[in-house]
Amino acid sequence: MESERFRIAFSFAGEKREFVEEVAAVLARKELIAANSYRIAEALVRQVRRTEGFPHARLAIELFTALRSPNLKAARQILAECEG
């Protein structure tokens, strides 16, 4: 899974600062949830608990898809291992 500090930047008029900060916070939360779901699924696969990892892998894929994340490929690989 890729690790980058910043993947997107926002350009906005100064009076839109509050709105843009809210949008950025929502996106950051979704990215964090997706990354955590991926890590949980990955850990469960390593423990040969694939069935338990499946819903976590699906959630990671759903969120990474919505975010157009470069981590989508890794999440799909973990899902394939969960389906196993």
Protein backbone atom coordinates (compact mmCIF):
# COMPACT_ATOMS: atom_id res chain seq x y z
CA MET A 1 0.00 0.00 0.00
CA GLU A 2 1.34 3.41 -0.94
CA SER A 3 2.19 5.91 1.74
CA GLU A 4 2.12 9.54 0.76
CA ARG A 5 1.56 12.49 3.00
CA PHE A 6 -0.36 14.53 0.41
CA ARG A 7 -2.18 13.26 -2.67
CA ILE A 8 -4.45 16.18 -3.43
CA ALA A 9 -4.40 19.93 -3.04
CA PHE A 10 -7.26 22.39 -2.81
CA SER A 11 -7.36 25.76 -4.49
CA PHE A 12 -10.10 28.04 -3.25
CA ALA A 13 -11.16 31.58 -2.50
CA GLY A 14 -10.37 32.71 1.04
CA GLU A 15 -14.03 33.01 2.01
CA LYS A 16 -14.49 29.27 1.28
CA ARG A 17 -11.85 28.19 3.81
CA GLU A 18 -14.29 26.67 6.34
CA PHE A 19 -16.11 24.64 3.70
CA VAL A 20 -12.87 23.37 2.18
CA GLU A 21 -11.54 22.40 5.61
CA GLU A 22 -14.72 20.39 6.22
CA VAL A 23 -14.38 18.61 2.87
CA ALA A 24 -10.73 17.83 3.57
CA ALA A 25 -11.61 16.43 7.00
CA VAL A 26 -14.28 14.12 5.54
CA LEU A 27 -11.88 12.84 2.88
CA ALA A 28 -9.14 12.29 5.45
CA ARG A 29 -11.51 10.26 7.66
CA LYS A 30 -12.57 8.11 4.71
CA GLU A 31 -8.93 7.51 3.77
CA LEU A 32 -8.12 6.52 7.36
CA ILE A 33 -11.09 4.13 7.56
CA ALA A 34 -10.13 2.57 4.21
CA ALA A 35 -6.49 2.14 5.24
CA ASN A 36 -7.47 0.60 8.58
CA SER A 37 -9.94 -1.76 6.92
CA TYR A 38 -7.23 -2.84 4.49
CA ARG A 39 -4.76 -3.49 7.33
CA ILE A 40 -7.32 -5.50 9.30
CA ALA A 41 -8.15 -7.64 6.25
CA GLU A 42 -4.45 -8.14 5.55
CA ALA A 43 -3.78 -9.22 9.14
CA LEU A 44 -6.70 -11.65 9.11
CA VAL A 45 -5.49 -13.20 5.85
CA ARG A 46 -2.07 -13.76 7.44
CA GLN A 47 -3.80 -15.47 10.36
CA VAL A 48 -5.70 -17.72 7.92
CA ARG A 49 -8.98 -16.08 8.95
CA ARG A 50 -9.96 -15.13 5.41
CA THR A 51 -13.72 -15.19 5.95
CA GLU A 52 -13.38 -12.65 8.76
CA GLY A 53 -11.21 -10.45 6.57
CA PHE A 54 -13.68 -10.35 3.69
CA PRO A 55 -15.97 -7.51 4.94
CA HIS A 56 -12.95 -5.38 5.82
CA ALA A 57 -11.47 -5.88 2.36
CA ARG A 58 -14.82 -4.99 0.73
CA LEU A 59 -15.06 -1.78 2.75
CA ALA A 60 -11.49 -0.85 1.83
CA ILE A 61 -12.29 -1.36 -1.85
CA GLU A 62 -15.50 0.67 -1.62
CA LEU A 63 -13.75 3.62 0.01
CA PHE A 64 -10.56 3.45 -2.07
CA THR A 65 -12.74 3.38 -5.21
CA ALA A 66 -14.69 6.46 -4.10
CA LEU A 67 -11.43 8.23 -3.27
CA ARG A 68 -9.75 7.09 -6.49
CA SER A 69 -6.88 5.89 -4.36
CA PRO A 70 -3.76 4.24 -5.73
CA ASN A 71 -4.22 1.70 -2.91
CA LEU A 72 -7.19 0.16 -4.69
CA LYS A 73 -5.04 -2.45 -6.42
CA ALA A 74 -3.61 -3.70 -3.11
CA ALA A 75 -7.10 -3.86 -1.59
CA ARG A 76 -8.34 -5.92 -4.54
CA GLN A 77 -5.46 -8.35 -4.04
CA ILE A 78 -6.37 -8.78 -0.37
CA LEU A 79 -10.02 -9.34 -1.32
CA ALA A 80 -8.95 -12.05 -3.76
CA GLU A 81 -6.99 -13.71 -0.95
CA CYS A 82 -10.04 -13.48 1.34
CA GLU A 83 -12.12 -15.20 -1.31
CA GLY A 84 -9.37 -17.69 -1.58
